Amino acid sequence: MNHIISHKSTLIEALRALNDLSGDVMTLFVVDENRTMVGTLTDGDVRRALLSGLSLQSEVSDAMHRNFRYLTTVSSPMDVRMARRSGISLLPILDEDRKILDILDLSRQTTRLPIRAVLMAGGRGERLRPLTDSVPKPLLPLGGATVIDRNVEALQRCGVGEIYVTIRYLAEQLEAHFKDSEVKCVRENMPLGTIGSLSLIPQGELTGVTLVMNSDLFTNIDFEEFYVQHIEQGNDISIATVSHTVSIPFAVLATEGLRVTDIEEKPTYTHYANAGIYLISNRLLSGLKSEHIDAPDFIAEHIQRGAKVGHFPISGTWLDIGTPADYQQAQELLGLLPY
């Protein structure tokens, strides 16, 4: 970790260390002889120390900032968000003894979501034939990457480190694609549906949350906001949704039998459609069997059982790449999205 320096180092040594960070976030984390973090140091801190009368041979401990912000292993995405909004770019993650476990670089990673993710990539992509005759739909190229890579990278930017991909059709191509990555492929021997395939994934902590999504989506959904809402609302299941507005060009009657109780001229209705992205409590996923279960059936069953289910309207771009026209539209939209 190039950002760590001893509290006994001199200011000239600190300046050399900061200079070596050129092009990176220029902040040093100061540790004592027990490797316990005791402060932070920037080039501004060094400059102010020298102007106050310290010399280049003074120790870092004389110039460091002692009131610093950090994360722990139990810090929430809300803590990261507060730091990011304060303009902090680099956050140390400390253990209970205040020793540095890791460093979160917010210039490269936007947050740190404590979830695992499962991307569904087993379908045949029939409507995209002949493009999918020899290539699985998730591996179709899209702006210098593949469709699934864009979703994997978006999750990794949110700090999701445990990512699984369920595969079946042309599975060997997806296995080869992710061979040298941290993404784990899980092959279905038979179609298991969106939820049934989760039975092949190692069971997570019951208090945790799993994100499930279709791998062929083109979206810039805010995963952080999705997760924060899920937690704040106390949901068992959250469904990402896209709004569809329907305008009726006639007057619509409200009736009770043959009696008219109201009339509305050319009304407009907004409906929320399932976007194929879910946050599900691991408690609900425990004990799944290897049998075909689709997400709508699973969710409907748990609503009947009293589970709290909420929805998260996607405010950005969402496109299900299911047809050649959708694929073309995704390519046209690509240059307009802030990736």
C-alpha atoms as a PDB file:
ATOM      1  CA  MET A   1       0.000   0.000   0.000  1.00  0.00           C
ATOM      2  CA  ASN A   2       1.842   3.078  -1.272  1.00  0.00           C
ATOM      3  CA  HIS A   3      -0.375   5.386   0.764  1.00  0.00           C
ATOM      4  CA  ILE A   4       0.972   4.286   4.158  1.00  0.00           C
ATOM      5  CA  ILE A   5       3.785   6.055   6.006  1.00  0.00           C
ATOM      6  CA  SER A   6       5.265   5.816   9.496  1.00  0.00           C
ATOM      7  CA  HIS A   7       4.601   8.593  12.021  1.00  0.00           C
ATOM      8  CA  LYS A   8       8.370   8.675  12.610  1.00  0.00           C
ATOM      9  CA  SER A   9       9.177   9.468   8.976  1.00  0.00           C
ATOM     10  CA  THR A  10      10.461  12.947   8.219  1.00  0.00           C
ATOM     11  CA  LEU A  11       8.563  15.528   6.210  1.00  0.00           C
ATOM     12  CA  ILE A  12      11.093  15.288   3.388  1.00  0.00           C
ATOM     13  CA  GLU A  13      10.401  11.537   3.242  1.00  0.00           C
ATOM     14  CA  ALA A  14       6.699  12.284   3.209  1.00  0.00           C
ATOM     15  CA  LEU A  15       7.137  14.688   0.297  1.00  0.00           C
ATOM     16  CA  ARG A  16       8.983  11.996  -1.647  1.00  0.00           C
ATOM     17  CA  ALA A  17       6.179   9.528  -0.898  1.00  0.00           C
ATOM     18  CA  LEU A  18       3.566  12.058  -2.014  1.00  0.00           C
ATOM     19  CA  ASN A  19       5.522  12.763  -5.182  1.00  0.00           C
ATOM     20  CA  ASP A  20       5.502   9.025  -5.952  1.00  0.00           C
ATOM     21  CA  LEU A  21       1.709   9.169  -5.818  1.00  0.00           C
ATOM     22  CA  SER A  22       1.573  11.679  -8.669  1.00  0.00           C
ATOM     23  CA  GLY A  23      -1.484  10.867 -10.766  1.00  0.00           C
ATOM     24  CA  ASP A  24      -3.103   9.119  -7.799  1.00  0.00           C
ATOM     25  CA  VAL A  25      -4.982  10.548  -4.803  1.00  0.00           C
ATOM     26  CA  MET A  26      -2.198  12.356  -2.941  1.00  0.00           C
ATOM     27  CA  THR A  27      -3.003  11.387   0.630  1.00  0.00           C
ATOM     28  CA  LEU A  28      -0.848   9.397   3.050  1.00  0.00           C
ATOM     29  CA  PHE A  29      -2.197   7.343   5.930  1.00  0.00           C
ATOM     30  CA  VAL A  30       0.022   7.586   8.994  1.00  0.00           C
ATOM     31  CA  VAL A  31       0.577   4.550  11.222  1.00  0.00           C
ATOM     32  CA  ASP A  32       2.484   4.082  14.455  1.00  0.00           C
ATOM     33  CA  GLU A  33       4.950   1.347  15.374  1.00  0.00           C
ATOM     34  CA  ASN A  34       2.023  -1.080  15.931  1.00  0.00           C
ATOM     35  CA  ARG A  35       0.648  -0.366  12.442  1.00  0.00           C
ATOM     36  CA  THR A  36      -2.291   1.428  14.054  1.00  0.00           C
ATOM     37  CA  MET A  37      -3.555   4.333  11.993  1.00  0.00           C
ATOM     38  CA  VAL A  38      -3.066   7.636  13.790  1.00  0.00           C
ATOM     39  CA  GLY A  39      -3.539  10.304  11.115  1.00  0.00           C
ATOM     40  CA  THR A  40      -3.504  11.463   7.508  1.00  0.00           C
ATOM     41  CA  LEU A  41      -1.092  13.688   5.624  1.00  0.00           C
ATOM     42  CA  THR A  42      -1.407  15.669   2.395  1.00  0.00           C
ATOM     43  CA  ASP A  43       0.962  18.021   0.632  1.00  0.00           C
ATOM     44  CA  GLY A  44      -1.145  20.847   2.054  1.00  0.00           C
ATOM     45  CA  ASP A  45      -0.488  19.604   5.580  1.00  0.00           C
ATOM     46  CA  VAL A  46       3.249  19.559   4.872  1.00  0.00           C
ATOM     47  CA  ARG A  47       3.147  23.063   3.402  1.00  0.00           C
ATOM     48  CA  ARG A  48       1.277  24.451   6.413  1.00  0.00           C
ATOM     49  CA  ALA A  49       3.701  22.715   8.791  1.00  0.00           C
ATOM     50  CA  LEU A  50       6.722  24.272   7.082  1.00  0.00           C
ATOM     51  CA  LEU A  51       5.107  27.708   7.112  1.00  0.00           C
ATOM     52  CA  SER A  52       4.474  27.322  10.848  1.00  0.00           C
ATOM     53  CA  GLY A  53       8.183  26.795  11.487  1.00  0.00           C
ATOM     54  CA  LEU A  54       8.722  23.054  11.249  1.00  0.00           C
ATOM     55  CA  SER A  55      11.672  21.784   9.206  1.00  0.00           C
ATOM     56  CA  LEU A  56      11.933  19.104   6.534  1.00  0.00           C
ATOM     57  CA  GLN A  57      13.533  16.899   9.203  1.00  0.00           C
ATOM     58  CA  SER A  58      10.514  17.202  11.511  1.00  0.00           C
ATOM     59  CA  GLU A  59       8.482  14.062  12.010  1.00  0.00           C
ATOM     60  CA  VAL A  60       5.248  13.360  10.178  1.00  0.00           C
ATOM     61  CA  SER A  61       3.442  13.098  13.533  1.00  0.00           C
ATOM     62  CA  ASP A  62       4.045  16.845  14.029  1.00  0.00           C
ATOM     63  CA  ALA A  63       2.185  17.746  10.839  1.00  0.00           C
ATOM     64  CA  MET A  64      -0.431  15.045  10.345  1.00  0.00           C
ATOM     65  CA  HIS A  65      -4.183  15.527  10.559  1.00  0.00           C
ATOM     66  CA  ARG A  66      -5.428  13.546  13.565  1.00  0.00           C
ATOM     67  CA  ASN A  67      -9.187  13.907  13.083  1.00  0.00           C
ATOM     68  CA  PHE A  68      -9.681  11.736  10.016  1.00  0.00           C
ATOM     69  CA  ARG A  69     -12.586   9.844   8.492  1.00  0.00           C
ATOM     70  CA  TYR A  70     -12.451   6.086   8.004  1.00  0.00           C
ATOM     71  CA  LEU A  71     -14.616   3.022   7.443  1.00  0.00           C
ATOM     72  CA  THR A  72     -14.894  -0.230   9.356  1.00  0.00           C
ATOM     73  CA  THR A  73     -15.946  -3.666   8.163  1.00  0.00           C
ATOM     74  CA  VAL A  74     -19.507  -2.874   9.251  1.00  0.00           C
ATOM     75  CA  SER A  75     -19.740   0.601   7.711  1.00  0.00           C
ATOM     76  CA  SER A  76     -22.767   1.083   5.476  1.00  0.00           C
ATOM     77  CA  PRO A  77     -23.030   2.559   1.967  1.00  0.00           C
ATOM     78  CA  MET A  78     -24.619   5.571   3.647  1.00  0.00           C
ATOM     79  CA  ASP A  79     -21.295   6.198   5.442  1.00  0.00           C
ATOM     80  CA  VAL A  80     -19.469   6.030   2.106  1.00  0.00           C
ATOM     81  CA  ARG A  81     -21.993   8.402   0.557  1.00  0.00           C
ATOM     82  CA  MET A  82     -21.437  10.974   3.325  1.00  0.00           C
ATOM     83  CA  ALA A  83     -17.673  10.815   2.784  1.00  0.00           C
ATOM     84  CA  ARG A  84     -18.071  11.137  -0.973  1.00  0.00           C
ATOM     85  CA  ARG A  85     -20.348  14.164  -0.597  1.00  0.00           C
ATOM     86  CA  SER A  86     -17.728  15.728   1.680  1.00  0.00           C
ATOM     87  CA  GLY A  87     -15.226  15.579  -1.169  1.00  0.00           C
ATOM     88  CA  ILE A  88     -13.140  12.741   0.281  1.00  0.00           C
ATOM     89  CA  SER A  89     -11.523  10.582  -2.392  1.00  0.00           C
ATOM     90  CA  LEU A  90      -9.631   8.019  -0.328  1.00  0.00           C
ATOM     91  CA  LEU A  91     -10.959   6.126   2.685  1.00  0.00           C
ATOM     92  CA  PRO A  92      -9.061   3.605   4.823  1.00  0.00           C
ATOM     93  CA  ILE A  93     -10.965   0.568   6.040  1.00  0.00           C
ATOM     94  CA  LEU A  94      -9.865  -0.251   9.588  1.00  0.00           C
ATOM     95  CA  ASP A  95     -10.270  -3.301  11.799  1.00  0.00           C
ATOM     96  CA  GLU A  96     -11.285  -3.123  15.446  1.00  0.00           C
ATOM     97  CA  ASP A  97      -7.672  -2.318  16.399  1.00  0.00           C
ATOM     98  CA  ARG A  98      -7.620   0.569  13.871  1.00  0.00           C
ATOM     99  CA  LYS A  99      -5.214  -1.284  11.607  1.00  0.00           C
ATOM    100  CA  ILE A 100      -5.642  -0.739   7.874  1.00  0.00           C
ATOM    101  CA  LEU A 101      -7.341  -3.642   6.118  1.00  0.00           C
ATOM    102  CA  ASP A 102      -7.905  -1.972   2.773  1.00  0.00           C
ATOM    103  CA  ILE A 103      -8.180   1.407   1.083  1.00  0.00           C
ATOM    104  CA  LEU A 104     -11.283   2.531  -0.803  1.00  0.00           C
ATOM    105  CA  ASP A 105     -10.460   4.825  -3.719  1.00  0.00           C
ATOM    106  CA  LEU A 106     -13.660   6.740  -4.495  1.00  0.00           C
ATOM    107  CA  SER A 107     -12.149   8.073  -7.697  1.00  0.00           C
ATOM    108  CA  ARG A 108     -12.326   4.516  -9.063  1.00  0.00           C
ATOM    109  CA  GLN A 109     -15.076   2.905  -6.989  1.00  0.00           C
ATOM    110  CA  THR A 110     -18.214   4.834  -6.133  1.00  0.00           C
ATOM    111  CA  THR A 111     -19.345   2.921  -3.064  1.00  0.00           C
ATOM    112  CA  ARG A 112     -19.055  -0.364  -1.159  1.00  0.00           C
ATOM    113  CA  LEU A 113     -22.266  -2.372  -1.301  1.00  0.00           C
ATOM    114  CA  PRO A 114     -22.375  -5.343   1.130  1.00  0.00           C
ATOM    115  CA  ILE A 115     -24.197  -7.617  -1.287  1.00  0.00           C
ATOM    116  CA  ARG A 116     -23.512 -10.452  -3.678  1.00  0.00           C
ATOM    117  CA  ALA A 117     -24.822 -10.418  -7.244  1.00  0.00           C
ATOM    118  CA  VAL A 118     -26.115 -13.114  -9.567  1.00  0.00           C
ATOM    119  CA  LEU A 119     -26.476 -12.419 -13.293  1.00  0.00           C
ATOM    120  CA  MET A 120     -28.734 -14.652 -15.381  1.00  0.00           C
ATOM    121  CA  ALA A 121     -26.992 -15.628 -18.634  1.00  0.00           C
ATOM    122  CA  GLY A 122     -28.422 -19.025 -19.567  1.00  0.00           C
ATOM    123  CA  GLY A 123     -31.018 -18.065 -22.189  1.00  0.00           C
ATOM    124  CA  ARG A 124     -30.776 -18.792 -25.916  1.00  0.00           C
ATOM    125  CA  GLY A 125     -31.660 -15.277 -27.134  1.00  0.00           C
ATOM    126  CA  GLU A 126     -34.011 -16.664 -29.780  1.00  0.00           C
ATOM    127  CA  ARG A 127     -35.358 -13.261 -30.871  1.00  0.00           C
ATOM    128  CA  LEU A 128     -31.833 -12.063 -31.663  1.00  0.00           C
ATOM    129  CA  ARG A 129     -31.058 -14.846 -34.116  1.00  0.00           C
ATOM    130  CA  PRO A 130     -28.948 -15.128 -36.221  1.00  0.00           C
ATOM    131  CA  LEU A 131     -26.687 -12.986 -33.976  1.00  0.00           C
ATOM    132  CA  THR A 132     -27.022 -15.547 -31.182  1.00  0.00           C
ATOM    133  CA  ASP A 133     -26.649 -18.681 -33.288  1.00  0.00           C
ATOM    134  CA  SER A 134     -22.974 -18.927 -32.390  1.00  0.00           C
ATOM    135  CA  VAL A 135     -22.569 -16.339 -29.607  1.00  0.00           C
ATOM    136  CA  PRO A 136     -24.572 -16.184 -26.349  1.00  0.00           C
ATOM    137  CA  LYS A 137     -26.528 -12.934 -26.080  1.00  0.00           C
ATOM    138  CA  PRO A 138     -24.590 -11.644 -23.013  1.00  0.00           C
ATOM    139  CA  LEU A 139     -21.351 -11.766 -25.064  1.00  0.00           C
ATOM    140  CA  LEU A 140     -22.612  -9.633 -27.939  1.00  0.00           C
ATOM    141  CA  PRO A 141     -20.268  -6.640 -28.378  1.00  0.00           C
ATOM    142  CA  LEU A 142     -21.438  -3.263 -27.166  1.00  0.00           C
ATOM    143  CA  GLY A 143     -19.120  -0.267 -27.340  1.00  0.00           C
ATOM    144  CA  GLY A 144     -15.796  -2.055 -27.009  1.00  0.00           C
ATOM    145  CA  ALA A 145     -17.075  -4.433 -24.317  1.00  0.00           C
ATOM    146  CA  THR A 146     -19.768  -7.076 -24.127  1.00  0.00           C
ATOM    147  CA  VAL A 147     -23.308  -6.631 -22.853  1.00  0.00           C
ATOM    148  CA  ILE A 148     -22.631  -8.598 -19.672  1.00  0.00           C
ATOM    149  CA  ASP A 149     -19.258  -6.922 -19.075  1.00  0.00           C
ATOM    150  CA  ARG A 150     -20.929  -3.542 -18.825  1.00  0.00           C
ATOM    151  CA  ASN A 151     -23.168  -4.834 -16.032  1.00  0.00           C
ATOM    152  CA  VAL A 152     -20.310  -6.615 -14.255  1.00  0.00           C
ATOM    153  CA  GLU A 153     -18.180  -3.458 -14.381  1.00  0.00           C
ATOM    154  CA  ALA A 154     -21.054  -1.342 -13.030  1.00  0.00           C
ATOM    155  CA  LEU A 155     -21.419  -3.706 -10.077  1.00  0.00           C
ATOM    156  CA  GLN A 156     -17.676  -3.748  -9.441  1.00  0.00           C
ATOM    157  CA  ARG A 157     -17.611   0.068  -9.418  1.00  0.00           C
ATOM    158  CA  CYS A 158     -20.108  -0.211  -6.569  1.00  0.00           C
ATOM    159  CA  GLY A 159     -17.753  -2.471  -4.634  1.00  0.00           C
ATOM    160  CA  VAL A 160     -19.610  -5.726  -5.295  1.00  0.00           C
ATOM    161  CA  GLY A 161     -16.862  -8.333  -5.147  1.00  0.00           C
ATOM    162  CA  GLU A 162     -18.897 -11.557  -5.121  1.00  0.00           C
ATOM    163  CA  ILE A 163     -20.452 -11.964  -8.570  1.00  0.00           C
ATOM    164  CA  TYR A 164     -21.898 -15.145 -10.035  1.00  0.00           C
ATOM    165  CA  VAL A 165     -23.140 -15.801 -13.574  1.00  0.00           C
ATOM    166  CA  THR A 166     -25.589 -18.640 -14.207  1.00  0.00           C
ATOM    167  CA  ILE A 167     -25.035 -20.174 -17.640  1.00  0.00           C
ATOM    168  CA  ARG A 168     -26.489 -22.876 -19.910  1.00  0.00           C
ATOM    169  CA  TYR A 169     -26.651 -22.005 -23.648  1.00  0.00           C
ATOM    170  CA  LEU A 170     -23.124 -21.933 -25.159  1.00  0.00           C
ATOM    171  CA  ALA A 171     -21.885 -22.115 -21.573  1.00  0.00           C
ATOM    172  CA  GLU A 172     -18.302 -22.909 -22.561  1.00  0.00           C
ATOM    173  CA  GLN A 173     -17.949 -19.472 -24.199  1.00  0.00           C
ATOM    174  CA  LEU A 174     -19.007 -17.673 -21.028  1.00  0.00           C
ATOM    175  CA  GLU A 175     -16.719 -19.879 -18.927  1.00  0.00           C
ATOM    176  CA  ALA A 176     -13.800 -19.013 -21.198  1.00  0.00           C
ATOM    177  CA  HIS A 177     -14.735 -15.315 -21.120  1.00  0.00           C
ATOM    178  CA  PHE A 178     -14.589 -15.148 -17.312  1.00  0.00           C
ATOM    179  CA  LYS A 179     -11.738 -17.647 -16.879  1.00  0.00           C
ATOM    180  CA  ASP A 180      -9.220 -15.090 -15.625  1.00  0.00           C
ATOM    181  CA  SER A 181     -11.640 -12.868 -13.703  1.00  0.00           C
ATOM    182  CA  GLU A 182     -13.115 -12.964 -10.216  1.00  0.00           C
ATOM    183  CA  VAL A 183     -16.566 -13.650 -11.668  1.00  0.00           C
ATOM    184  CA  LYS A 184     -17.719 -17.214 -10.976  1.00  0.00           C
ATOM    185  CA  CYS A 185     -19.737 -19.145 -13.572  1.00  0.00           C
ATOM    186  CA  VAL A 186     -22.355 -21.665 -12.434  1.00  0.00           C
ATOM    187  CA  ARG A 187     -23.713 -24.024 -15.082  1.00  0.00           C
ATOM    188  CA  GLU A 188     -27.342 -25.149 -15.111  1.00  0.00           C
ATOM    189  CA  ASN A 189     -27.923 -28.726 -16.239  1.00  0.00           C
ATOM    190  CA  MET A 190     -31.566 -27.875 -16.866  1.00  0.00           C
ATOM    191  CA  PRO A 191     -33.493 -24.584 -17.102  1.00  0.00           C
ATOM    192  CA  LEU A 192     -34.173 -23.523 -13.512  1.00  0.00           C
ATOM    193  CA  GLY A 193     -35.657 -20.056 -13.993  1.00  0.00           C
ATOM    194  CA  THR A 194     -34.551 -16.795 -12.427  1.00  0.00           C
ATOM    195  CA  ILE A 195     -34.852 -17.931  -8.813  1.00  0.00           C
ATOM    196  CA  GLY A 196     -34.385 -21.678  -9.183  1.00  0.00           C
ATOM    197  CA  SER A 197     -30.872 -21.141 -10.501  1.00  0.00           C
ATOM    198  CA  LEU A 198     -29.938 -19.491  -7.204  1.00  0.00           C
ATOM    199  CA  SER A 199     -30.058 -22.951  -5.635  1.00  0.00           C
ATOM    200  CA  LEU A 200     -26.700 -23.567  -7.355  1.00  0.00           C
ATOM    201  CA  ILE A 201     -25.077 -20.564  -5.625  1.00  0.00           C
ATOM    202  CA  PRO A 202     -23.442 -20.997  -2.194  1.00  0.00           C
ATOM    203  CA  GLN A 203     -25.851 -19.829   0.476  1.00  0.00           C
ATOM    204  CA  GLY A 204     -25.004 -16.362   1.756  1.00  0.00           C
ATOM    205  CA  GLU A 205     -25.372 -15.044   5.285  1.00  0.00           C
ATOM    206  CA  LEU A 206     -29.050 -15.063   6.230  1.00  0.00           C
ATOM    207  CA  THR A 207     -28.868 -11.400   7.226  1.00  0.00           C
ATOM    208  CA  GLY A 208     -27.431 -10.467   3.841  1.00  0.00           C
ATOM    209  CA  VAL A 209     -28.931  -9.440   0.522  1.00  0.00           C
ATOM    210  CA  THR A 210     -28.529 -10.847  -2.984  1.00  0.00           C
ATOM    211  CA  LEU A 211     -28.928  -8.800  -6.139  1.00  0.00           C
ATOM    212  CA  VAL A 212     -30.372 -10.788  -9.032  1.00  0.00           C
ATOM    213  CA  MET A 213     -30.521  -9.383 -12.542  1.00  0.00           C
ATOM    214  CA  ASN A 214     -30.795 -10.353 -16.160  1.00  0.00           C
ATOM    215  CA  SER A 215     -27.382 -10.125 -17.793  1.00  0.00           C
ATOM    216  CA  ASP A 216     -28.670  -8.751 -21.105  1.00  0.00           C
ATOM    217  CA  LEU A 217     -29.884  -5.408 -19.751  1.00  0.00           C
ATOM    218  CA  PHE A 218     -28.506  -2.071 -20.894  1.00  0.00           C
ATOM    219  CA  THR A 219     -28.986   0.242 -17.932  1.00  0.00           C
ATOM    220  CA  ASN A 220     -27.367   2.849 -15.741  1.00  0.00           C
ATOM    221  CA  ILE A 221     -29.504   2.052 -12.689  1.00  0.00           C
ATOM    222  CA  ASP A 222     -28.142   3.545  -9.480  1.00  0.00           C
ATOM    223  CA  PHE A 223     -27.308   0.351  -7.563  1.00  0.00           C
ATOM    224  CA  GLU A 224     -26.349   2.326  -4.465  1.00  0.00           C
ATOM    225  CA  GLU A 225     -29.683   4.157  -4.302  1.00  0.00           C
ATOM    226  CA  PHE A 226     -31.504   0.890  -5.010  1.00  0.00           C
ATOM    227  CA  TYR A 227     -29.782  -0.786  -2.048  1.00  0.00           C
ATOM    228  CA  VAL A 228     -30.196   2.194   0.296  1.00  0.00           C
ATOM    229  CA  GLN A 229     -33.939   2.337  -0.395  1.00  0.00           C
ATOM    230  CA  HIS A 230     -34.222  -1.432   0.130  1.00  0.00           C
ATOM    231  CA  ILE A 231     -32.605  -1.148   3.572  1.00  0.00           C
ATOM    232  CA  GLU A 232     -34.363   2.057   4.647  1.00  0.00           C
ATOM    233  CA  GLN A 233     -37.772   0.658   3.695  1.00  0.00           C
ATOM    234  CA  GLY A 234     -37.054  -2.621   5.486  1.00  0.00           C
ATOM    235  CA  ASN A 235     -37.998  -4.618   2.403  1.00  0.00           C
ATOM    236  CA  ASP A 236     -37.663  -8.366   2.054  1.00  0.00           C
ATOM    237  CA  ILE A 237     -37.702  -7.979  -1.723  1.00  0.00           C
ATOM    238  CA  SER A 238     -37.202  -4.890  -3.882  1.00  0.00           C
ATOM    239  CA  ILE A 239     -38.026  -4.855  -7.592  1.00  0.00           C
ATOM    240  CA  ALA A 240     -36.448  -2.351  -9.955  1.00  0.00           C
ATOM    241  CA  THR A 241     -39.139  -0.990 -12.252  1.00  0.00           C
ATOM    242  CA  VAL A 242     -39.532   1.074 -15.391  1.00  0.00           C
ATOM    243  CA  SER A 243     -42.540   3.339 -15.851  1.00  0.00           C
ATOM    244  CA  HIS A 244     -44.854   3.059 -18.827  1.00  0.00           C
ATOM    245  CA  THR A 245     -47.392   5.782 -19.526  1.00  0.00           C
ATOM    246  CA  VAL A 246     -50.606   4.882 -21.344  1.00  0.00           C
ATOM    247  CA  SER A 247     -52.800   7.641 -22.770  1.00  0.00           C
ATOM    248  CA  ILE A 248     -56.371   6.820 -23.718  1.00  0.00           C
ATOM    249  CA  PRO A 249     -57.789   9.115 -26.451  1.00  0.00           C
ATOM    250  CA  PHE A 250     -61.376   8.769 -25.235  1.00  0.00           C
ATOM    251  CA  ALA A 251     -63.429   9.605 -22.182  1.00  0.00           C
ATOM    252  CA  VAL A 252     -63.289   6.700 -19.728  1.00  0.00           C
ATOM    253  CA  LEU A 253     -66.245   5.757 -17.553  1.00  0.00           C
ATOM    254  CA  ALA A 254     -66.109   4.488 -14.009  1.00  0.00           C
ATOM    255  CA  THR A 255     -69.007   2.110 -13.532  1.00  0.00           C
ATOM    256  CA  GLU A 256     -70.770  -0.049 -10.984  1.00  0.00           C
ATOM    257  CA  GLY A 257     -72.708  -2.572 -12.969  1.00  0.00           C
ATOM    258  CA  LEU A 258     -74.664  -0.533 -15.523  1.00  0.00           C
ATOM    259  CA  ARG A 259     -74.460   2.643 -13.452  1.00  0.00           C
ATOM    260  CA  VAL A 260     -71.897   5.323 -14.350  1.00  0.00           C
ATOM    261  CA  THR A 261     -70.242   6.784 -11.245  1.00  0.00           C
ATOM    262  CA  ASP A 262     -67.676   9.059 -12.903  1.00  0.00           C
ATOM    263  CA  ILE A 263     -66.262  10.084 -16.256  1.00  0.00           C
ATOM    264  CA  GLU A 264     -62.714  11.184 -17.089  1.00  0.00           C
ATOM    265  CA  GLU A 265     -61.761  12.764 -20.391  1.00  0.00           C
ATOM    266  CA  LYS A 266     -58.689  11.258 -22.145  1.00  0.00           C
ATOM    267  CA  PRO A 267     -56.942  10.040 -18.986  1.00  0.00           C
ATOM    268  CA  THR A 268     -53.269   9.111 -18.734  1.00  0.00           C
ATOM    269  CA  TYR A 269     -52.178   6.206 -16.564  1.00  0.00           C
ATOM    270  CA  THR A 270     -48.673   5.328 -15.369  1.00  0.00           C
ATOM    271  CA  HIS A 271     -47.832   1.693 -14.752  1.00  0.00           C
ATOM    272  CA  TYR A 272     -44.620   0.227 -13.362  1.00  0.00           C
ATOM    273  CA  ALA A 273     -43.149  -2.773 -15.171  1.00  0.00           C
ATOM    274  CA  ASN A 274     -40.670  -5.307 -13.844  1.00  0.00           C
ATOM    275  CA  ALA A 275     -37.123  -4.341 -14.989  1.00  0.00           C
ATOM    276  CA  GLY A 276     -35.570  -7.740 -14.251  1.00  0.00           C
ATOM    277  CA  ILE A 277     -33.403  -6.513 -11.335  1.00  0.00           C
ATOM    278  CA  TYR A 278     -34.137  -7.593  -7.763  1.00  0.00           C
ATOM    279  CA  LEU A 279     -32.765  -7.281  -4.245  1.00  0.00           C
ATOM    280  CA  ILE A 280     -33.777 -10.299  -2.164  1.00  0.00           C
ATOM    281  CA  SER A 281     -33.116 -11.110   1.481  1.00  0.00           C
ATOM    282  CA  ASN A 282     -30.924 -14.206   1.728  1.00  0.00           C
ATOM    283  CA  ARG A 283     -33.327 -15.462   4.375  1.00  0.00           C
ATOM    284  CA  LEU A 284     -35.940 -15.976   1.662  1.00  0.00           C
ATOM    285  CA  LEU A 285     -33.445 -17.798  -0.546  1.00  0.00           C
ATOM    286  CA  SER A 286     -32.289 -20.279   2.055  1.00  0.00           C
ATOM    287  CA  GLY A 287     -33.321 -23.844   1.361  1.00  0.00           C
ATOM    288  CA  LEU A 288     -34.048 -23.364  -2.349  1.00  0.00           C
ATOM    289  CA  LYS A 289     -34.292 -26.605  -4.298  1.00  0.00           C
ATOM    290  CA  SER A 290     -32.986 -27.244  -7.812  1.00  0.00           C
ATOM    291  CA  GLU A 291     -36.349 -26.797  -9.470  1.00  0.00           C
ATOM    292  CA  HIS A 292     -37.732 -24.296 -11.945  1.00  0.00           C
ATOM    293  CA  ILE A 293     -38.885 -21.099 -10.220  1.00  0.00           C
ATOM    294  CA  ASP A 294     -39.295 -17.756 -11.984  1.00  0.00           C
ATOM    295  CA  ALA A 295     -39.033 -14.449 -10.139  1.00  0.00           C
ATOM    296  CA  PRO A 296     -42.699 -13.344 -10.564  1.00  0.00           C
ATOM    297  CA  ASP A 297     -43.972 -16.645  -9.098  1.00  0.00           C
ATOM    298  CA  PHE A 298     -41.443 -16.488  -6.233  1.00  0.00           C
ATOM    299  CA  ILE A 299     -42.366 -12.888  -5.415  1.00  0.00           C
ATOM    300  CA  ALA A 300     -46.131 -13.510  -5.627  1.00  0.00           C
ATOM    301  CA  GLU A 301     -45.786 -16.470  -3.260  1.00  0.00           C
ATOM    302  CA  HIS A 302     -43.880 -14.414  -0.693  1.00  0.00           C
ATOM    303  CA  ILE A 303     -46.337 -11.525  -0.942  1.00  0.00           C
ATOM    304  CA  GLN A 304     -49.038 -14.011   0.018  1.00  0.00           C
ATOM    305  CA  ARG A 305     -46.884 -15.077   2.955  1.00  0.00           C
ATOM    306  CA  GLY A 306     -46.656 -11.488   4.172  1.00  0.00           C
ATOM    307  CA  ALA A 307     -43.220 -10.482   2.896  1.00  0.00           C
ATOM    308  CA  LYS A 308     -42.627  -6.767   2.480  1.00  0.00           C
ATOM    309  CA  VAL A 309     -42.056  -6.093  -1.216  1.00  0.00           C
ATOM    310  CA  GLY A 310     -41.215  -2.661  -2.599  1.00  0.00           C
ATOM    311  CA  HIS A 311     -40.273  -1.249  -5.964  1.00  0.00           C
ATOM    312  CA  PHE A 312     -37.554   1.131  -7.123  1.00  0.00           C
ATOM    313  CA  PRO A 313     -38.344   3.241 -10.216  1.00  0.00           C
ATOM    314  CA  ILE A 314     -35.275   3.509 -12.468  1.00  0.00           C
ATOM    315  CA  SER A 315     -34.763   7.174 -13.282  1.00  0.00           C
ATOM    316  CA  GLY A 316     -32.068   6.634 -15.904  1.00  0.00           C
ATOM    317  CA  THR A 317     -31.734   4.389 -18.929  1.00  0.00           C
ATOM    318  CA  TRP A 318     -33.080   0.855 -19.097  1.00  0.00           C
ATOM    319  CA  LEU A 319     -33.321  -1.367 -22.134  1.00  0.00           C
ATOM    320  CA  ASP A 320     -33.910  -5.103 -22.416  1.00  0.00           C
ATOM    321  CA  ILE A 321     -31.781  -6.209 -25.360  1.00  0.00           C
ATOM    322  CA  GLY A 322     -34.186  -8.783 -26.726  1.00  0.00           C
ATOM    323  CA  THR A 323     -34.487  -7.991 -30.422  1.00  0.00           C
ATOM    324  CA  PRO A 324     -32.206  -6.648 -33.194  1.00  0.00           C
ATOM    325  CA  ALA A 325     -34.011  -3.290 -32.885  1.00  0.00           C
ATOM    326  CA  ASP A 326     -33.245  -3.182 -29.126  1.00  0.00           C
ATOM    327  CA  TYR A 327     -29.614  -4.059 -29.808  1.00  0.00           C
ATOM    328  CA  GLN A 328     -29.362  -1.242 -32.354  1.00  0.00           C
ATOM    329  CA  GLN A 329     -30.986   1.194 -29.921  1.00  0.00           C
ATOM    330  CA  ALA A 330     -28.497   0.241 -27.203  1.00  0.00           C
ATOM    331  CA  GLN A 331     -25.633   0.963 -29.585  1.00  0.00           C
ATOM    332  CA  GLU A 332     -27.137   4.362 -30.412  1.00  0.00           C
ATOM    333  CA  LEU A 333     -27.685   5.218 -26.733  1.00  0.00           C
ATOM    334  CA  LEU A 334     -24.211   4.156 -25.702  1.00  0.00           C
ATOM    335  CA  GLY A 335     -22.583   7.477 -26.496  1.00  0.00           C
ATOM    336  CA  LEU A 336     -25.160   9.357 -24.423  1.00  0.00           C
ATOM    337  CA  LEU A 337     -24.654   7.547 -21.108  1.00  0.00           C
ATOM    338  CA  PRO A 338     -22.144   8.656 -18.415  1.00  0.00           C
ATOM    339  CA  TYR A 339     -20.118   5.437 -18.030  1.00  0.00           C
END
